[in-house]
PDB file of N, CA and C in Angstrom:
ATOM      1  N   UNK A   1     -20.930  36.575  19.118  1.00  0.00           N
ATOM      2  CA  UNK A   1     -21.144  36.652  17.418  1.00  0.00           C
ATOM      3  C   UNK A   1     -21.079  35.723  16.576  1.00  0.00           C
ATOM      4  N   UNK A   2     -22.341  35.265  15.957  1.00  0.00           N
ATOM      5  CA  UNK A   2     -21.916  34.175  15.262  1.00  0.00           C
ATOM      6  C   UNK A   2     -21.167  34.516  14.542  1.00  0.00           C
ATOM      7  N   UNK A   3     -20.450  32.927  13.979  1.00  0.00           N
ATOM      8  CA  UNK A   3     -19.672  32.588  13.065  1.00  0.00           C
ATOM      9  C   UNK A   3     -19.639  31.847  11.996  1.00  0.00           C
ATOM     10  N   UNK A   4     -19.384  31.478  10.931  1.00  0.00           N
ATOM     11  CA  UNK A   4     -19.843  30.692   9.998  1.00  0.00           C
ATOM     12  C   UNK A   4     -18.552  30.045   9.397  1.00  0.00           C
ATOM     13  N   UNK A   5     -18.229  29.111   9.692  1.00  0.00           N
ATOM     14  CA  UNK A   5     -17.012  28.071   9.588  1.00  0.00           C
ATOM     15  C   UNK A   5     -17.273  26.961   9.000  1.00  0.00           C
ATOM     16  N   UNK A   6     -16.846  26.650   7.800  1.00  0.00           N
ATOM     17  CA  UNK A   6     -17.405  25.547   6.973  1.00  0.00           C
ATOM     18  C   UNK A   6     -15.626  24.474   6.226  1.00  0.00           C
ATOM     19  N   UNK A   7     -16.016  23.479   6.591  1.00  0.00           N
ATOM     20  CA  UNK A   7     -14.458  22.602   6.341  1.00  0.00           C
ATOM     21  C   UNK A   7     -14.531  22.541   4.884  1.00  0.00           C
ATOM     22  N   UNK A   8     -15.602  22.057   4.112  1.00  0.00           N
ATOM     23  CA  UNK A   8     -15.584  22.668   2.495  1.00  0.00           C
ATOM     24  C   UNK A   8     -16.936  23.853   1.812  1.00  0.00           C
ATOM     25  N   UNK A   9     -16.388  24.031   0.892  1.00  0.00           N
ATOM     26  CA  UNK A   9     -17.387  24.541   0.180  1.00  0.00           C
ATOM     27  C   UNK A   9     -18.920  24.741   0.695  1.00  0.00           C
ATOM     28  N   UNK A  10     -20.181  25.063   1.253  1.00  0.00           N
ATOM     29  CA  UNK A  10     -21.046  25.008   1.263  1.00  0.00           C
ATOM     30  C   UNK A  10     -21.965  25.430  -0.432  1.00  0.00           C
ATOM     31  N   UNK A  11     -22.634  24.477  -0.914  1.00  0.00           N
ATOM     32  CA  UNK A  11     -23.811  24.729  -1.438  1.00  0.00           C
ATOM     33  C   UNK A  11     -24.491  26.160  -1.308  1.00  0.00           C
ATOM     34  N   UNK A  12     -24.865  26.884  -2.416  1.00  0.00           N
ATOM     35  CA  UNK A  12     -25.505  28.088  -1.439  1.00  0.00           C
ATOM     36  C   UNK A  12     -26.654  28.111  -1.193  1.00  0.00           C
ATOM     37  N   UNK A  13     -27.516  26.706  -1.636  1.00  0.00           N
ATOM     38  CA  UNK A  13     -28.827  26.955  -0.057  1.00  0.00           C
ATOM     39  C   UNK A  13     -27.900  26.934   1.121  1.00  0.00           C
ATOM     40  N   UNK A  14     -26.879  25.613   1.334  1.00  0.00           N
ATOM     41  CA  UNK A  14     -26.473  25.316   2.801  1.00  0.00           C
ATOM     42  C   UNK A  14     -25.920  26.599   3.697  1.00  0.00           C
ATOM     43  N   UNK A  15     -25.695  27.977   2.383  1.00  0.00           N
ATOM     44  CA  UNK A  15     -25.292  28.880   3.236  1.00  0.00           C
ATOM     45  C   UNK A  15     -25.946  29.759   3.446  1.00  0.00           C
ATOM     46  N   UNK A  16     -26.689  29.874   2.956  1.00  0.00           N
ATOM     47  CA  UNK A  16     -27.965  30.593   2.837  1.00  0.00           C
ATOM     48  C   UNK A  16     -28.949  29.894   4.458  1.00  0.00           C
ATOM     49  N   UNK A  17     -29.064  29.097   4.208  1.00  0.00           N
ATOM     50  CA  UNK A  17     -29.866  28.253   5.835  1.00  0.00           C
ATOM     51  C   UNK A  17     -28.775  28.732   6.791  1.00  0.00           C
ATOM     52  N   UNK A  18     -27.775  28.850   6.784  1.00  0.00           N
ATOM     53  CA  UNK A  18     -26.373  28.967   7.919  1.00  0.00           C
ATOM     54  C   UNK A  18     -26.317  30.473   7.881  1.00  0.00           C
ATOM     55  N   UNK A  19     -26.595  31.629   6.996  1.00  0.00           N
ATOM     56  CA  UNK A  19     -26.558  32.800   6.881  1.00  0.00           C
ATOM     57  C   UNK A  19     -28.274  32.939   7.944  1.00  0.00           C
ATOM     58  N   UNK A  20     -29.087  32.205   7.422  1.00  0.00           N
ATOM     59  CA  UNK A  20     -30.785  33.078   8.041  1.00  0.00           C
ATOM     60  C   UNK A  20     -30.655  32.494   9.807  1.00  0.00           C
ATOM     61  N   UNK A  21     -29.890  30.872   9.625  1.00  0.00           N
ATOM     62  CA  UNK A  21     -29.567  30.745  11.193  1.00  0.00           C
ATOM     63  C   UNK A  21     -29.043  31.620  12.374  1.00  0.00           C
ATOM     64  N   UNK A  22     -27.873  32.155  11.974  1.00  0.00           N
ATOM     65  CA  UNK A  22     -26.930  33.087  12.161  1.00  0.00           C
ATOM     66  C   UNK A  22     -28.003  34.332  12.732  1.00  0.00           C
ATOM     67  N   UNK A  23     -28.441  34.906  12.113  1.00  0.00           N
ATOM     68  CA  UNK A  23     -28.967  36.384  11.793  1.00  0.00           C
ATOM     69  C   UNK A  23     -30.205  35.997  13.125  1.00  0.00           C
ATOM     70  N   UNK A  24     -30.470  34.620  12.922  1.00  0.00           N
ATOM     71  CA  UNK A  24     -31.781  34.550  13.634  1.00  0.00           C
ATOM     72  C   UNK A  24     -31.682  34.434  15.394  1.00  0.00           C
ATOM     73  N   UNK A  25     -30.168  33.883  15.108  1.00  0.00           N
ATOM     74  CA  UNK A  25     -30.062  33.327  16.827  1.00  0.00           C
ATOM     75  C   UNK A  25     -28.487  34.897  16.905  1.00  0.00           C
ATOM     76  N   UNK A  26     -28.383  35.769  16.456  1.00  0.00           N
ATOM     77  CA  UNK A  26     -28.294  37.010  16.786  1.00  0.00           C
ATOM     78  C   UNK A  26     -28.598  37.468  18.102  1.00  0.00           C
ATOM     79  N   UNK A  27     -27.893  38.148  19.222  1.00  0.00           N
ATOM     80  CA  UNK A  27     -28.342  39.244  20.061  1.00  0.00           C
ATOM     81  C   UNK A  27     -27.574  40.164  20.224  1.00  0.00           C
ATOM     82  N   UNK A  28     -27.807  41.415  19.793  1.00  0.00           N
ATOM     83  CA  UNK A  28     -27.060  42.936  20.088  1.00  0.00           C
ATOM     84  C   UNK A  28     -26.196  43.314  20.683  1.00  0.00           C
ATOM     85  N   UNK A  29     -26.997  42.740  21.911  1.00  0.00           N
ATOM     86  CA  UNK A  29     -26.244  42.952  23.090  1.00  0.00           C
ATOM     87  C   UNK A  29     -25.281  42.388  23.753  1.00  0.00           C
ATOM     88  N   UNK A  30     -25.190  40.950  23.593  1.00  0.00           N
ATOM     89  CA  UNK A  30     -24.194  40.477  23.138  1.00  0.00           C
ATOM     90  C   UNK A  30     -22.982  40.535  22.567  1.00  0.00           C
ATOM     91  N   UNK A  31     -23.275  40.763  21.283  1.00  0.00           N
ATOM     92  CA  UNK A  31     -22.455  41.121  20.451  1.00  0.00           C
ATOM     93  C   UNK A  31     -21.572  42.428  21.024  1.00  0.00           C
ATOM     94  N   UNK A  32     -22.235  43.671  21.371  1.00  0.00           N
ATOM     95  CA  UNK A  32     -21.815  44.219  21.617  1.00  0.00           C
ATOM     96  C   UNK A  32     -20.883  44.156  23.042  1.00  0.00           C
ATOM     97  N   UNK A  33     -21.348  43.158  23.807  1.00  0.00           N
ATOM     98  CA  UNK A  33     -20.107  43.153  25.263  1.00  0.00           C
ATOM     99  C   UNK A  33     -19.209  42.055  24.797  1.00  0.00           C
ATOM    100  N   UNK A  34     -19.279  41.341  23.540  1.00  0.00           N
ATOM    101  CA  UNK A  34     -17.939  40.362  22.811  1.00  0.00           C
ATOM    102  C   UNK A  34     -16.922  41.516  22.634  1.00  0.00           C
ATOM    103  N   UNK A  35     -17.231  42.472  21.884  1.00  0.00           N
ATOM    104  CA  UNK A  35     -16.981  43.604  20.895  1.00  0.00           C
ATOM    105  C   UNK A  35     -16.211  44.572  22.067  1.00  0.00           C
ATOM    106  N   UNK A  36     -16.592  44.611  23.035  1.00  0.00           N
ATOM    107  CA  UNK A  36     -15.787  45.598  23.753  1.00  0.00           C
ATOM    108  C   UNK A  36     -15.023  45.319  25.086  1.00  0.00           C
ATOM    109  N   UNK A  37     -15.240  43.599  24.853  1.00  0.00           N
ATOM    110  CA  UNK A  37     -13.911  42.792  25.476  1.00  0.00           C
ATOM    111  C   UNK A  37     -12.706  42.703  24.454  1.00  0.00           C
ATOM    112  N   UNK A  38     -13.227  43.270  23.330  1.00  0.00           N
ATOM    113  CA  UNK A  38     -11.786  43.152  22.001  1.00  0.00           C
ATOM    114  C   UNK A  38     -11.203  44.053  22.173  1.00  0.00           C
ATOM    115  N   UNK A  39     -11.928  45.422  22.324  1.00  0.00           N
ATOM    116  CA  UNK A  39     -11.583  46.525  22.518  1.00  0.00           C
ATOM    117  C   UNK A  39     -10.813  46.657  23.901  1.00  0.00           C
ATOM    118  N   UNK A  40     -11.190  46.320  24.855  1.00  0.00           N
ATOM    119  CA  UNK A  40     -10.137  46.466  26.319  1.00  0.00           C
ATOM    120  C   UNK A  40      -8.899  45.973  25.557  1.00  0.00           C
ATOM    121  N   UNK A  41      -9.040  44.658  25.023  1.00  0.00           N
ATOM    122  CA  UNK A  41      -7.438  43.920  24.944  1.00  0.00           C
ATOM    123  C   UNK A  41      -7.011  44.621  24.114  1.00  0.00           C
ATOM    124  N   UNK A  42      -7.254  45.047  23.065  1.00  0.00           N
ATOM    125  CA  UNK A  42      -6.623  46.216  21.921  1.00  0.00           C
ATOM    126  C   UNK A  42      -6.154  47.638  22.986  1.00  0.00           C
ATOM    127  N   UNK A  43      -7.106  48.074  23.573  1.00  0.00           N
ATOM    128  CA  UNK A  43      -6.191  49.126  24.805  1.00  0.00           C
ATOM    129  C   UNK A  43      -5.572  48.841  25.589  1.00  0.00           C
ATOM    130  N   UNK A  44      -5.411  47.734  26.330  1.00  0.00           N
ATOM    131  CA  UNK A  44      -4.497  47.456  27.197  1.00  0.00           C
ATOM    132  C   UNK A  44      -2.823  47.607  26.168  1.00  0.00           C
ATOM    133  N   UNK A  45      -3.165  46.326  25.527  1.00  0.00           N
ATOM    134  CA  UNK A  45      -1.980  46.384  24.778  1.00  0.00           C
ATOM    135  C   UNK A  45      -1.538  47.580  23.909  1.00  0.00           C
ATOM    136  N   UNK A  46      -2.155  48.821  23.493  1.00  0.00           N
ATOM    137  CA  UNK A  46      -1.215  49.836  23.270  1.00  0.00           C
ATOM    138  C   UNK A  46      -1.517  50.819  24.053  1.00  0.00           C
ATOM    139  N   UNK A  47      -1.919  50.853  25.110  1.00  0.00           N
ATOM    140  CA  UNK A  47      -2.204  51.947  26.329  1.00  0.00           C
ATOM    141  C   UNK A  47      -3.116  53.115  25.221  1.00  0.00           C
ATOM    142  N   UNK A  48      -4.101  53.187  24.796  1.00  0.00           N
ATOM    143  CA  UNK A  48      -4.898  53.975  24.507  1.00  0.00           C
ATOM    144  C   UNK A  48      -5.998  53.833  24.361  1.00  0.00           C
ATOM    145  N   UNK A  49      -6.875  54.336  23.969  1.00  0.00           N
ATOM    146  CA  UNK A  49      -8.517  54.044  23.979  1.00  0.00           C
ATOM    147  C   UNK A  49      -8.682  53.934  22.870  1.00  0.00           C
ATOM    148  N   UNK A  50     -10.038  53.163  22.854  1.00  0.00           N
ATOM    149  CA  UNK A  50     -10.361  52.577  21.227  1.00  0.00           C
ATOM    150  C   UNK A  50     -10.666  54.192  20.872  1.00  0.00           C
ATOM    151  N   UNK A  51     -11.577  55.080  21.309  1.00  0.00           N
ATOM    152  CA  UNK A  51     -12.332  56.318  20.684  1.00  0.00           C
ATOM    153  C   UNK A  51     -10.913  57.110  19.910  1.00  0.00           C
ATOM    154  N   UNK A  52     -10.032  56.781  21.143  1.00  0.00           N
ATOM    155  CA  UNK A  52      -8.394  57.919  20.682  1.00  0.00           C
ATOM    156  C   UNK A  52      -7.930  57.190  19.390  1.00  0.00           C
ATOM    157  N   UNK A  53      -7.790  55.731  19.600  1.00  0.00           N
ATOM    158  CA  UNK A  53      -6.935  55.379  18.809  1.00  0.00           C
ATOM    159  C   UNK A  53      -7.754  55.102  17.015  1.00  0.00           C
ATOM    160  N   UNK A  54      -9.238  55.689  17.103  1.00  0.00           N
ATOM    161  CA  UNK A  54      -9.870  55.006  15.981  1.00  0.00           C
ATOM    162  C   UNK A  54      -9.891  56.776  15.458  1.00  0.00           C
ATOM    163  N   UNK A  55      -9.729  57.621  16.260  1.00  0.00           N
ATOM    164  CA  UNK A  55      -9.936  59.197  15.996  1.00  0.00           C
ATOM    165  C   UNK A  55      -8.141  59.424  14.810  1.00  0.00           C
ATOM    166  N   UNK A  56      -7.238  59.260  15.579  1.00  0.00           N
ATOM    167  CA  UNK A  56      -5.929  58.863  15.313  1.00  0.00           C
ATOM    168  C   UNK A  56      -5.626  58.261  14.179  1.00  0.00           C
ATOM    169  N   UNK A  57      -6.700  56.896  13.878  1.00  0.00           N
ATOM    170  CA  UNK A  57      -6.129  56.016  12.345  1.00  0.00           C
ATOM    171  C   UNK A  57      -6.791  56.656  11.662  1.00  0.00           C
ATOM    172  N   UNK A  58      -8.028  57.232  11.757  1.00  0.00           N
ATOM    173  CA  UNK A  58      -9.021  58.281  10.785  1.00  0.00           C
ATOM    174  C   UNK A  58      -8.186  59.297  10.241  1.00  0.00           C
ATOM    175  N   UNK A  59      -7.845  59.815  11.022  1.00  0.00           N
ATOM    176  CA  UNK A  59      -6.709  61.057  10.516  1.00  0.00           C
ATOM    177  C   UNK A  59      -5.488  60.091   9.364  1.00  0.00           C
ATOM    178  N   UNK A  60      -4.884  59.543  10.005  1.00  0.00           N
ATOM    179  CA  UNK A  60      -3.795  58.924   9.593  1.00  0.00           C
ATOM    180  C   UNK A  60      -2.597  59.489  10.184  1.00  0.00           C
ATOM    181  N   UNK A  61      -2.318  59.449  11.335  1.00  0.00           N
ATOM    182  CA  UNK A  61      -1.369  60.346  12.405  1.00  0.00           C
ATOM    183  C   UNK A  61      -1.006  59.131  13.176  1.00  0.00           C
ATOM    184  N   UNK A  62      -1.094  57.709  13.342  1.00  0.00           N
ATOM    185  CA  UNK A  62      -0.673  57.189  14.176  1.00  0.00           C
ATOM    186  C   UNK A  62       1.298  56.401  13.226  1.00  0.00           C
ATOM    187  N   UNK A  63       1.576  55.792  14.534  1.00  0.00           N
ATOM    188  CA  UNK A  63       2.535  55.198  14.296  1.00  0.00           C
ATOM    189  C   UNK A  63       2.251  54.086  12.946  1.00  0.00           C
ATOM    190  N   UNK A  64       3.456  53.644  12.725  1.00  0.00           N
ATOM    191  CA  UNK A  64       3.267  52.077  11.527  1.00  0.00           C
ATOM    192  C   UNK A  64       2.801  51.050  12.031  1.00  0.00           C
ATOM    193  N   UNK A  65       3.108  50.818  13.304  1.00  0.00           N
ATOM    194  CA  UNK A  65       2.753  49.227  14.076  1.00  0.00           C
ATOM    195  C   UNK A  65       0.681  49.561  14.170  1.00  0.00           C
ATOM    196  N   UNK A  66       0.653  51.019  14.506  1.00  0.00           N
ATOM    197  CA  UNK A  66      -1.324  50.832  14.396  1.00  0.00           C
ATOM    198  C   UNK A  66      -1.317  51.381  13.490  1.00  0.00           C
ATOM    199  N   UNK A  67      -0.867  51.822  12.709  1.00  0.00           N
ATOM    200  CA  UNK A  67      -1.520  52.478  11.259  1.00  0.00           C
ATOM    201  C   UNK A  67      -2.341  51.197  10.564  1.00  0.00           C
ATOM    202  N   UNK A  68      -1.747  50.305  10.929  1.00  0.00           N
ATOM    203  CA  UNK A  68      -2.421  48.914   9.778  1.00  0.00           C
ATOM    204  C   UNK A  68      -3.152  48.037  11.153  1.00  0.00           C
ATOM    205  N   UNK A  69      -3.526  48.400  11.942  1.00  0.00           N
ATOM    206  CA  UNK A  69      -4.325  47.516  12.934  1.00  0.00           C
ATOM    207  C   UNK A  69      -6.037  47.701  12.257  1.00  0.00           C
ATOM    208  N   UNK A  70      -6.027  47.330  11.326  1.00  0.00           N
ATOM    209  CA  UNK A  70      -7.132  47.194  10.950  1.00  0.00           C
ATOM    210  C   UNK A  70      -8.483  46.782  11.341  1.00  0.00           C
ATOM    211  N   UNK A  71      -7.988  45.545  12.072  1.00  0.00           N
ATOM    212  CA  UNK A  71      -8.683  44.578  13.350  1.00  0.00           C
ATOM    213  C   UNK A  71      -9.525  45.730  13.872  1.00  0.00           C
ATOM    214  N   UNK A  72      -8.866  46.735  14.569  1.00  0.00           N
ATOM    215  CA  UNK A  72      -8.728  47.392  15.741  1.00  0.00           C
ATOM    216  C   UNK A  72     -10.071  48.465  15.538  1.00  0.00           C
ATOM    217  N   UNK A  73      -9.640  48.670  14.125  1.00  0.00           N
ATOM    218  CA  UNK A  73     -10.427  49.822  13.538  1.00  0.00           C
ATOM    219  C   UNK A  73     -12.122  49.599  13.410  1.00  0.00           C
ATOM    220  N   UNK A  74     -11.807  47.997  12.549  1.00  0.00           N
ATOM    221  CA  UNK A  74     -13.152  47.354  12.542  1.00  0.00           C
ATOM    222  C   UNK A  74     -14.237  47.122  13.532  1.00  0.00           C
ATOM    223  N   UNK A  75     -13.311  46.497  15.062  1.00  0.00           N
ATOM    224  CA  UNK A  75     -14.218  46.279  16.059  1.00  0.00           C
ATOM    225  C   UNK A  75     -14.738  47.086  16.293  1.00  0.00           C
ATOM    226  N   UNK A  76     -13.993  49.052  16.381  1.00  0.00           N
ATOM    227  CA  UNK A  76     -14.627  49.649  16.808  1.00  0.00           C
ATOM    228  C   UNK A  76     -15.838  50.396  16.295  1.00  0.00           C
ATOM    229  N   UNK A  77     -15.325  50.540  14.791  1.00  0.00           N
ATOM    230  CA  UNK A  77     -16.597  51.122  13.946  1.00  0.00           C
ATOM    231  C   UNK A  77     -17.854  50.090  14.263  1.00  0.00           C
ATOM    232  N   UNK A  78     -17.524  48.801  14.132  1.00  0.00           N
ATOM    233  CA  UNK A  78     -18.837  47.931  14.181  1.00  0.00           C
ATOM    234  C   UNK A  78     -19.130  48.017  16.117  1.00  0.00           C
ATOM    235  N   UNK A  79     -18.620  48.339  17.175  1.00  0.00           N
ATOM    236  CA  UNK A  79     -18.919  48.359  18.650  1.00  0.00           C
ATOM    237  C   UNK A  79     -20.131  49.699  18.367  1.00  0.00           C
ATOM    238  N   UNK A  80     -19.532  50.742  17.562  1.00  0.00           N
ATOM    239  CA  UNK A  80     -20.313  52.297  18.107  1.00  0.00           C
ATOM    240  C   UNK A  80     -21.546  51.745  17.277  1.00  0.00           C
ATOM    241  N   UNK A  81     -21.987  51.264  15.850  1.00  0.00           N
ATOM    242  CA  UNK A  81     -22.953  50.987  14.691  1.00  0.00           C
ATOM    243  C   UNK A  81     -23.861  50.090  16.079  1.00  0.00           C
ATOM    244  N   UNK A  82     -23.367  48.794  16.670  1.00  0.00           N
ATOM    245  CA  UNK A  82     -24.227  48.340  17.946  1.00  0.00           C
ATOM    246  C   UNK A  82     -24.914  48.843  18.748  1.00  0.00           C
ATOM    247  N   UNK A  83     -23.478  49.492  19.348  1.00  0.00           N
ATOM    248  CA  UNK A  83     -24.691  50.655  20.647  1.00  0.00           C
ATOM    249  C   UNK A  83     -24.940  51.488  20.525  1.00  0.00           C
ATOM    250  N   UNK A  84     -25.394  52.345  19.086  1.00  0.00           N
ATOM    251  CA  UNK A  84     -26.493  53.252  18.470  1.00  0.00           C
ATOM    252  C   UNK A  84     -27.731  52.116  18.011  1.00  0.00           C
ATOM    253  N   UNK A  85     -27.714  51.205  17.553  1.00  0.00           N
ATOM    254  CA  UNK A  85     -28.894  50.241  17.575  1.00  0.00           C
ATOM    255  C   UNK A  85     -29.499  49.882  18.576  1.00  0.00           C
ATOM    256  N   UNK A  86     -28.702  49.547  19.496  1.00  0.00           N
ATOM    257  CA  UNK A  86     -29.495  49.063  20.755  1.00  0.00           C
ATOM    258  C   UNK A  86     -30.131  50.417  21.707  1.00  0.00           C
ATOM    259  N   UNK A  87     -29.387  51.395  21.381  1.00  0.00           N
ATOM    260  CA  UNK A  87     -29.807  52.627  22.151  1.00  0.00           C
ATOM    261  C   UNK A  87     -30.735  53.223  21.399  1.00  0.00           C
ATOM    262  N   UNK A  88     -30.826  53.151  20.423  1.00  0.00           N
ATOM    263  CA  UNK A  88     -31.965  53.682  19.607  1.00  0.00           C
ATOM    264  C   UNK A  88     -33.586  52.879  20.224  1.00  0.00           C
ATOM    265  N   UNK A  89     -33.453  51.078  19.899  1.00  0.00           N
ATOM    266  CA  UNK A  89     -34.024  49.880  20.382  1.00  0.00           C
ATOM    267  C   UNK A  89     -34.294  50.388  21.923  1.00  0.00           C
ATOM    268  N   UNK A  90     -33.505  50.739  22.762  1.00  0.00           N
ATOM    269  CA  UNK A  90     -34.565  50.725  23.753  1.00  0.00           C
ATOM    270  C   UNK A  90     -34.889  52.586  24.258  1.00  0.00           C
ATOM    271  N   UNK A  91     -34.672  53.285  23.611  1.00  0.00           N
ATOM    272  CA  UNK A  91     -35.595  54.596  23.218  1.00  0.00           C
ATOM    273  C   UNK A  91     -36.330  54.308  23.009  1.00  0.00           C
ATOM    274  N   UNK A  92     -36.850  53.690  21.496  1.00  0.00           N
ATOM    275  CA  UNK A  92     -38.314  53.303  21.177  1.00  0.00           C
ATOM    276  C   UNK A  92     -39.010  52.059  22.148  1.00  0.00           C
ATOM    277  N   UNK A  93     -38.472  51.548  22.793  1.00  0.00           N
ATOM    278  CA  UNK A  93     -38.710  50.691  24.076  1.00  0.00           C
ATOM    279  C   UNK A  93     -39.149  51.579  24.806  1.00  0.00           C
ATOM    280  N   UNK A  94     -39.040  52.974  25.497  1.00  0.00           N
ATOM    281  CA  UNK A  94     -39.050  53.669  26.562  1.00  0.00           C
ATOM    282  C   UNK A  94     -40.284  54.626  25.964  1.00  0.00           C
ATOM    283  N   UNK A  95     -40.436  55.077  24.982  1.00  0.00           N
ATOM    284  CA  UNK A  95     -41.006  55.942  24.525  1.00  0.00           C
ATOM    285  C   UNK A  95     -42.164  55.079  23.843  1.00  0.00           C
ATOM    286  N   UNK A  96     -42.595  53.593  23.472  1.00  0.00           N
ATOM    287  CA  UNK A  96     -43.466  53.141  22.856  1.00  0.00           C
ATOM    288  C   UNK A  96     -44.980  52.944  24.182  1.00  0.00           C
ATOM    289  N   UNK A  97     -44.267  52.666  25.558  1.00  0.00           N
ATOM    290  CA  UNK A  97     -45.437  52.536  26.259  1.00  0.00           C
ATOM    291  C   UNK A  97     -45.973  54.208  26.605  1.00  0.00           C
ATOM    292  N   UNK A  98     -45.284  54.939  25.962  1.00  0.00           N
ATOM    293  CA  UNK A  98     -46.134  56.399  26.762  1.00  0.00           C
ATOM    294  C   UNK A  98     -47.126  56.874  25.712  1.00  0.00           C
ATOM    295  N   UNK A  99     -46.853  56.159  24.300  1.00  0.00           N
ATOM    296  CA  UNK A  99     -47.744  57.028  23.224  1.00  0.00           C
ATOM    297  C   UNK A  99     -48.612  55.446  22.988  1.00  0.00           C
ATOM    298  N   UNK A 100     -48.741  54.506  23.826  1.00  0.00           N
ATOM    299  CA  UNK A 100     -49.919  53.597  24.112  1.00  0.00           C
ATOM    300  C   UNK A 100     -50.858  54.295  24.913  1.00  0.00           C
ATOM    301  N   UNK A 101     -50.270  55.221  25.914  1.00  0.00           N
ATOM    302  CA  UNK A 101     -51.047  55.327  27.114  1.00  0.00           C
ATOM    303  C   UNK A 101     -51.820  56.788  26.252  1.00  0.00           C
ATOM    304  N   UNK A 102     -51.411  57.456  25.321  1.00  0.00           N
ATOM    305  CA  UNK A 102     -51.771  58.622  24.986  1.00  0.00           C
ATOM    306  C   UNK A 102     -52.983  58.622  24.129  1.00  0.00           C
ATOM    307  N   UNK A 103     -52.663  57.870  23.535  1.00  0.00           N
ATOM    308  CA  UNK A 103     -53.550  56.824  22.561  1.00  0.00           C
ATOM    309  C   UNK A 103     -55.130  56.310  22.549  1.00  0.00           C
ATOM    310  N   UNK A 104     -54.877  55.763  24.539  1.00  0.00           N
ATOM    311  CA  UNK A 104     -56.009  54.986  24.562  1.00  0.00           C
ATOM    312  C   UNK A 104     -57.313  56.489  25.310  1.00  0.00           C
TER     313      UNK A 104
END
């Protein structure tokens, strides 16, 4: 995932340009793979699936060490959102040719 790192606070115009460039360079499949790697690290470290962790995190039933794993929860939430985006895009791409054939 593109990251914006500045040594000094940029002007608003420089910041807008950097954000636009990051968005243009973003690839949801690459982002999904990177997030999956992060989730595997958390799963290995804590011995539970991200889905189970997130369910228990949302319910507030984790022990104190895990209840404060906001980064894991955020990574899983973003993973699910990007996965849905990619799945929806693939479904549209799969259906689009069929619709074109019908209208011809």
